[in-house]
């Protein structure tokens, strides 16, 4: 079986053209400077070499401040252009707009697991609509992996115990290869997948055929499963911070610092709750490391992102007990 390896994969995302343009600019500039330096080095070595029988001391070379300013300011200007252009491309790829569709990605030796906000789960295949900005939140269950889709010019390391993110907007329907570009073990070469880009109507049909309940709803179930409601009850008896409208909000800590309640902070608060204790509360929360899986954490984060004021579930003990029913007296047997 032969596999076609494209040296220049087709451009199938919004930012792919600018990435290629920046790469071409960097290659031309660096290659030209390298050839110029090598050429001048060879020319000066030959032209100014010491001739046979020449024992005179070479004359002192006069300095030129204009030349020194030129070779200092010109490269500096080129480097500034490279930096600003690269920063623009980077920010467009890694800063998601508010309307971006979030998808959780869990890497594991040796597979890719995807969780859609509507609740659909996929392994080694990701379905996305064309023309929609997609934000991937990536984490690993074991070692370092790397999410790489050449046609989208998307490349991001996937790390254990934290989230990384990357964005892309596909422009052409079709199937695109997904690779792990970080050596992750003996079956690293088999950790591949497919990103399937669909028309919006076809994508909506695909979602409706595989509806499993929203990821946020699954997160609510996980929240209740691990009895988080016992402390995070959002009432006068709460022994832990209120979680309503928490995602993305600044959080004041007991050590006087302030952090943003992003995905990494919320994940750390679940697995290592003593690392950052909220001001006004005691460090009484136990760790859930080894109990809760990466996919369950993703579901909880999706639920917290949708949790508004007054939507915290009611504690079980707050419900009234079931009404008692009178005992049924058996009728006497007829003689």
Protein backbone atom coordinates (compact mmCIF):
# COMPACT_ATOMS: atom_id res chain seq x y z
CA UNK A 1 0.00 0.00 0.00
CA UNK A 2 1.36 3.41 -0.94
CA UNK A 3 0.54 6.61 0.90
CA UNK A 4 0.71 10.00 -0.77
CA UNK A 5 2.72 12.45 1.32
CA UNK A 6 2.06 16.03 0.29
CA UNK A 7 5.02 18.36 0.69
CA UNK A 8 2.62 21.30 0.46
CA UNK A 9 -0.80 20.15 1.77
CA UNK A 10 -3.81 22.00 0.44
CA UNK A 11 -5.09 24.99 2.37
CA UNK A 12 -8.38 23.96 3.99
CA UNK A 13 -8.78 26.49 6.81
CA UNK A 14 -9.11 30.24 7.12
CA UNK A 15 -5.60 30.83 8.46
CA UNK A 16 -3.75 28.31 6.28
CA UNK A 17 -2.85 30.79 3.52
CA UNK A 18 -1.34 33.31 5.92
CA UNK A 19 0.65 30.58 7.69
CA UNK A 20 2.11 29.51 4.34
CA UNK A 21 2.82 33.12 3.41
CA UNK A 22 4.64 33.73 6.69
CA UNK A 23 6.63 30.51 6.26
CA UNK A 24 7.63 31.56 2.73
CA UNK A 25 8.71 34.99 3.99
CA UNK A 26 10.82 33.49 6.78
CA UNK A 27 12.38 30.96 4.42
CA UNK A 28 13.23 33.57 1.76
CA UNK A 29 14.69 36.06 4.25
CA UNK A 30 16.69 33.51 6.23
CA UNK A 31 17.84 31.68 3.10
CA UNK A 32 18.89 34.92 1.39
CA UNK A 33 20.82 36.12 4.43
CA UNK A 34 22.49 32.74 4.81
CA UNK A 35 23.55 32.66 1.16
CA UNK A 36 24.74 36.29 1.34
CA UNK A 37 26.86 35.63 4.42
CA UNK A 38 28.31 32.44 2.94
CA UNK A 39 29.05 34.16 -0.38
CA UNK A 40 30.75 37.15 1.24
CA UNK A 41 32.75 34.86 3.50
CA UNK A 42 34.08 32.91 0.51
CA UNK A 43 34.74 36.07 -1.53
CA UNK A 44 36.62 37.87 1.26
CA UNK A 45 38.61 34.74 2.09
CA UNK A 46 39.80 34.49 -1.51
CA UNK A 47 40.18 38.17 -2.40
CA UNK A 48 41.94 39.25 0.80
CA UNK A 49 44.07 36.16 1.25
CA UNK A 50 47.78 36.60 1.96
CA UNK A 51 49.78 36.18 -1.24
CA UNK A 52 53.01 34.15 -1.37
CA UNK A 53 55.97 36.26 -0.32
CA UNK A 54 53.81 39.03 1.18
CA UNK A 55 55.20 39.70 4.69
CA UNK A 56 53.97 43.25 5.14
CA UNK A 57 51.58 44.07 7.95
CA UNK A 58 48.07 44.65 6.59
CA UNK A 59 46.95 48.28 6.84
CA UNK A 60 44.37 49.27 9.45
CA UNK A 61 40.85 49.03 8.09
CA UNK A 62 38.91 52.29 8.53
CA UNK A 63 35.59 51.94 10.37
CA UNK A 64 32.28 53.07 8.88
CA UNK A 65 29.58 54.11 11.32
CA UNK A 66 27.04 54.27 8.49
CA UNK A 67 27.72 50.64 7.61
CA UNK A 68 27.46 49.60 11.27
CA UNK A 69 24.10 51.39 11.64
CA UNK A 70 22.89 49.74 8.44
CA UNK A 71 23.66 46.17 9.45
CA UNK A 72 22.23 46.81 12.92
CA UNK A 73 18.97 48.57 12.06
CA UNK A 74 18.09 46.63 8.90
CA UNK A 75 18.04 43.16 10.56
CA UNK A 76 16.26 44.66 13.58
CA UNK A 77 13.50 46.01 11.33
CA UNK A 78 13.16 42.65 9.60
CA UNK A 79 12.98 40.84 12.98
CA UNK A 80 10.25 43.24 14.17
CA UNK A 81 8.22 42.48 11.04
CA UNK A 82 8.66 38.75 11.65
CA UNK A 83 7.61 39.10 15.28
CA UNK A 84 4.49 41.19 14.61
CA UNK A 85 3.40 39.02 11.71
CA UNK A 86 3.99 35.82 13.68
CA UNK A 87 2.14 37.22 16.71
CA UNK A 88 -0.86 38.06 14.52
CA UNK A 89 -0.98 34.55 13.05
CA UNK A 90 -0.52 33.01 16.52
CA UNK A 91 -3.31 35.03 18.12
CA UNK A 92 -5.71 34.21 15.30
CA UNK A 93 -5.01 30.49 15.83
CA UNK A 94 -5.09 30.39 19.63
CA UNK A 95 -7.58 33.07 20.67
CA UNK A 96 -11.08 31.81 20.11
CA UNK A 97 -13.99 34.23 19.48
CA UNK A 98 -17.02 34.07 21.73
CA UNK A 99 -19.07 32.18 19.14
CA UNK A 100 -16.48 29.42 18.62
CA UNK A 101 -17.82 25.88 19.05
CA UNK A 102 -15.97 24.16 21.93
CA UNK A 103 -14.99 20.51 21.57
CA UNK A 104 -13.12 18.59 24.26
CA UNK A 105 -10.28 16.34 23.09
CA UNK A 106 -8.73 13.62 25.25
CA UNK A 107 -5.55 11.97 23.98
CA UNK A 108 -4.63 8.51 25.23
CA UNK A 109 -2.19 5.84 24.11
CA UNK A 110 -3.10 5.41 21.31
CA UNK A 111 -6.35 7.10 20.35
CA UNK A 112 -8.15 10.43 20.12
CA UNK A 113 -11.42 10.87 22.00
CA UNK A 114 -13.74 13.79 21.19
CA UNK A 115 -16.68 15.17 23.20
CA UNK A 116 -19.11 17.55 21.49
CA UNK A 117 -21.16 20.10 23.45
CA UNK A 118 -24.31 18.28 22.31
CA UNK A 119 -23.00 15.13 24.00
CA UNK A 120 -21.79 13.12 21.00
CA UNK A 121 -18.62 11.15 21.54
CA UNK A 122 -16.20 10.01 18.85
CA UNK A 123 -12.96 8.03 18.73
CA UNK A 124 -10.32 8.85 16.10
CA UNK A 125 -12.92 10.73 14.02
CA UNK A 126 -14.02 14.33 14.45
CA UNK A 127 -17.01 15.79 12.63
CA UNK A 128 -17.20 19.58 12.29
CA UNK A 129 -19.24 21.96 10.09
CA UNK A 130 -17.64 24.02 7.34
CA UNK A 131 -17.43 27.76 7.97
CA UNK A 132 -17.73 27.39 11.76
CA UNK A 133 -14.94 28.47 14.10
CA UNK A 134 -14.01 25.48 16.28
CA UNK A 135 -12.13 25.64 19.58
CA UNK A 136 -10.44 22.45 20.74
CA UNK A 137 -9.69 22.01 24.44
CA UNK A 138 -7.05 19.31 24.63
CA UNK A 139 -5.68 17.22 27.48
CA UNK A 140 -3.88 13.90 27.84
CA UNK A 141 -4.57 10.96 30.12
CA UNK A 142 -0.98 9.68 30.06
CA UNK A 143 2.00 11.11 28.15
CA UNK A 144 2.59 14.13 25.91
CA UNK A 145 0.88 13.91 22.53
CA UNK A 146 0.53 16.47 19.74
CA UNK A 147 -2.57 17.28 17.69
CA UNK A 148 -1.62 17.90 14.04
CA UNK A 149 -3.86 18.46 11.00
CA UNK A 150 -1.57 19.57 8.13
CA UNK A 151 -4.33 20.89 5.84
CA UNK A 152 -5.58 23.20 8.62
CA UNK A 153 -2.04 24.24 9.65
CA UNK A 154 -3.06 23.25 13.18
CA UNK A 155 -0.39 21.90 15.52
CA UNK A 156 -0.65 21.86 19.32
CA UNK A 157 0.95 19.79 22.08
CA UNK A 158 -1.46 17.85 24.30
CA UNK A 159 -0.23 17.70 27.89
CA UNK A 160 -1.28 15.64 30.93
CA UNK A 161 -2.85 17.44 33.91
CA UNK A 162 -3.62 20.65 32.02
CA UNK A 163 -5.53 22.03 29.05
CA UNK A 164 -4.15 23.51 25.86
CA UNK A 165 -6.33 24.96 23.14
CA UNK A 166 -6.24 25.66 19.42
CA UNK A 167 -8.77 27.10 16.96
CA UNK A 168 -9.49 26.58 13.29
CA UNK A 169 -12.22 27.33 10.78
CA UNK A 170 -12.47 24.80 7.94
CA UNK A 171 -13.28 26.16 4.50
CA UNK A 172 -13.73 23.02 2.39
CA UNK A 173 -15.81 19.88 3.07
CA UNK A 174 -13.89 16.64 3.02
CA UNK A 175 -11.81 14.22 5.08
CA UNK A 176 -8.48 15.37 6.50
CA UNK A 177 -5.75 13.36 8.17
CA UNK A 178 -5.15 13.78 11.90
CA UNK A 179 -1.75 12.80 13.31
CA UNK A 180 0.00 12.63 16.65
CA UNK A 181 3.30 14.36 15.87
CA UNK A 182 4.91 13.75 19.28
CA UNK A 183 6.48 10.33 19.86
CA UNK A 184 4.24 8.79 22.51
CA UNK A 185 5.18 5.11 22.69
CA UNK A 186 5.46 1.93 20.68
CA UNK A 187 2.24 2.45 18.70
CA UNK A 188 2.81 6.15 18.06
CA UNK A 189 2.53 5.67 14.28
CA UNK A 190 -0.93 4.16 14.74
CA UNK A 191 -2.30 7.16 16.63
CA UNK A 192 -4.04 8.67 13.63
CA UNK A 193 -7.55 9.82 12.85
CA UNK A 194 -9.76 11.78 10.50
CA UNK A 195 -11.37 15.20 10.67
CA UNK A 196 -14.54 15.15 8.58
CA UNK A 197 -15.74 18.59 7.50
CA UNK A 198 -19.43 18.65 6.54
CA UNK A 199 -21.89 21.15 5.16
CA UNK A 200 -23.93 22.79 7.96
CA UNK A 201 -27.11 20.94 6.99
CA UNK A 202 -25.37 17.57 6.84
CA UNK A 203 -23.68 18.30 10.17
CA UNK A 204 -27.06 19.10 11.76
CA UNK A 205 -28.43 15.79 10.46
CA UNK A 206 -25.38 13.98 11.84
CA UNK A 207 -25.95 15.55 15.26
CA UNK A 208 -29.62 14.62 15.33
CA UNK A 209 -28.86 11.01 14.43
CA UNK A 210 -26.35 10.65 17.26
CA UNK A 211 -28.01 12.70 19.99
CA UNK A 212 -26.88 11.53 23.43
CA UNK A 213 -27.89 14.46 25.63
CA UNK A 214 -25.82 17.58 26.13
CA UNK A 215 -22.35 17.41 27.65
CA UNK A 216 -23.45 19.98 30.24
CA UNK A 217 -26.26 17.67 31.36
CA UNK A 218 -23.76 14.85 31.75
CA UNK A 219 -21.61 17.19 33.83
CA UNK A 220 -24.53 17.88 36.14
CA UNK A 221 -24.90 14.14 36.67
CA UNK A 222 -21.19 13.84 37.49
CA UNK A 223 -21.49 16.76 39.92
CA UNK A 224 -24.27 14.96 41.77
CA UNK A 225 -22.59 11.55 41.46
CA UNK A 226 -19.56 12.67 43.46
CA UNK A 227 -21.73 14.55 46.01
CA UNK A 228 -20.15 17.93 45.19
CA UNK A 229 -23.50 19.45 46.11
CA UNK A 230 -22.81 18.69 49.78
CA UNK A 231 -20.45 21.70 49.97
CA UNK A 232 -21.08 23.67 46.76
CA UNK A 233 -24.77 24.14 47.59
CA UNK A 234 -24.95 27.92 46.93
CA UNK A 235 -27.04 28.55 50.06
CA UNK A 236 -26.47 29.72 53.63
CA UNK A 237 -25.16 26.26 54.54
CA UNK A 238 -22.52 26.19 51.78
CA UNK A 239 -19.03 25.27 52.95
CA UNK A 240 -17.45 25.86 49.53
CA UNK A 241 -17.54 28.67 46.93
CA UNK A 242 -20.60 29.29 44.77
CA UNK A 243 -20.05 27.86 41.30
CA UNK A 244 -22.80 29.75 39.50
CA UNK A 245 -21.54 32.00 36.66
CA UNK A 246 -17.99 31.12 37.74
CA UNK A 247 -16.38 30.23 34.38
CA UNK A 248 -14.11 33.01 33.13
CA UNK A 249 -14.57 35.12 36.25
CA UNK A 250 -11.70 36.38 38.46
CA UNK A 251 -11.30 34.45 41.71
CA UNK A 252 -9.65 35.92 44.82
CA UNK A 253 -7.46 33.43 46.69
CA UNK A 254 -6.54 33.14 50.35
CA UNK A 255 -2.92 34.14 49.66
CA UNK A 256 -4.05 37.50 48.30
CA UNK A 257 -3.58 36.70 44.60
CA UNK A 258 -6.24 36.58 41.91
CA UNK A 259 -6.69 34.01 39.15
CA UNK A 260 -9.14 33.56 36.32
CA UNK A 261 -11.51 30.62 36.53
CA UNK A 262 -10.47 29.09 33.22
CA UNK A 263 -10.37 25.42 32.32
CA UNK A 264 -6.94 24.81 33.86
CA UNK A 265 -7.90 26.44 37.17
CA UNK A 266 -11.15 24.46 37.41
CA UNK A 267 -9.38 21.20 36.55
CA UNK A 268 -6.68 21.86 39.15
CA UNK A 269 -9.35 22.66 41.74
CA UNK A 270 -10.84 19.21 41.19
CA UNK A 271 -7.62 17.21 41.18
CA UNK A 272 -5.53 19.33 43.57
CA UNK A 273 -7.96 21.52 45.54
CA UNK A 274 -5.37 22.63 48.09
CA UNK A 275 -3.20 24.35 45.48
CA UNK A 276 -5.39 27.48 45.19
CA UNK A 277 -7.82 28.01 48.07
CA UNK A 278 -10.53 30.64 47.59
CA UNK A 279 -10.44 33.53 50.05
CA UNK A 280 -12.88 33.11 52.93
CA UNK A 281 -12.98 29.31 52.74
CA UNK A 282 -10.99 26.52 54.36
CA UNK A 283 -9.04 23.84 52.48
CA UNK A 284 -11.48 21.03 53.29
CA UNK A 285 -12.10 19.67 49.79
CA UNK A 286 -10.55 16.21 49.19
CA UNK A 287 -8.75 15.43 45.97
CA UNK A 288 -10.58 13.49 43.30
CA UNK A 289 -7.40 12.40 41.53
CA UNK A 290 -7.68 8.72 40.64
CA UNK A 291 -11.48 8.79 41.06
CA UNK A 292 -12.72 11.05 38.29
CA UNK A 293 -11.65 10.57 34.67
CA UNK A 294 -10.68 13.13 32.06
CA UNK A 295 -13.97 12.78 30.20
CA UNK A 296 -15.97 13.31 33.39
CA UNK A 297 -13.92 16.44 34.15
CA UNK A 298 -14.69 17.73 30.67
CA UNK A 299 -18.39 17.20 31.30
CA UNK A 300 -18.22 19.05 34.63
CA UNK A 301 -16.44 21.98 32.95
CA UNK A 302 -19.10 22.11 30.24
CA UNK A 303 -21.80 22.22 32.94
CA UNK A 304 -20.00 24.93 34.90
CA UNK A 305 -19.71 26.98 31.73
CA UNK A 306 -23.50 26.89 31.36
CA UNK A 307 -24.40 27.26 35.06
CA UNK A 308 -26.26 30.52 35.67
CA UNK A 309 -27.45 32.18 38.87
CA UNK A 310 -30.00 30.14 40.76
CA UNK A 311 -29.37 26.93 38.79
CA UNK A 312 -27.41 24.99 41.42
CA UNK A 313 -29.18 21.67 42.09
CA UNK A 314 -31.03 21.35 45.37
CA UNK A 315 -29.43 19.22 48.05
CA UNK A 316 -31.15 15.88 48.54
CA UNK A 317 -31.77 16.56 52.22
CA UNK A 318 -33.62 19.75 51.25
CA UNK A 319 -36.38 17.76 49.65
CA UNK A 320 -39.36 16.95 51.84
CA UNK A 321 -39.62 13.29 52.85
CA UNK A 322 -42.12 11.17 50.99
CA UNK A 323 -45.62 11.12 52.45
CA UNK A 324 -46.28 8.17 54.72
CA UNK A 325 -48.94 5.74 53.59
CA UNK A 326 -51.17 3.98 56.08
CA UNK A 327 -50.43 0.35 56.69
CA UNK A 328 -52.67 -2.00 54.80
CA UNK A 329 -54.53 -4.33 57.14
CA UNK A 330 -55.23 -7.69 55.55
CA UNK A 331 -58.86 -8.64 55.46
CA UNK A 332 -59.84 -11.54 57.74
CA UNK A 333 -60.22 -14.84 56.05
CA UNK A 334 -63.74 -16.13 55.63
CA UNK A 335 -64.48 -19.24 57.64
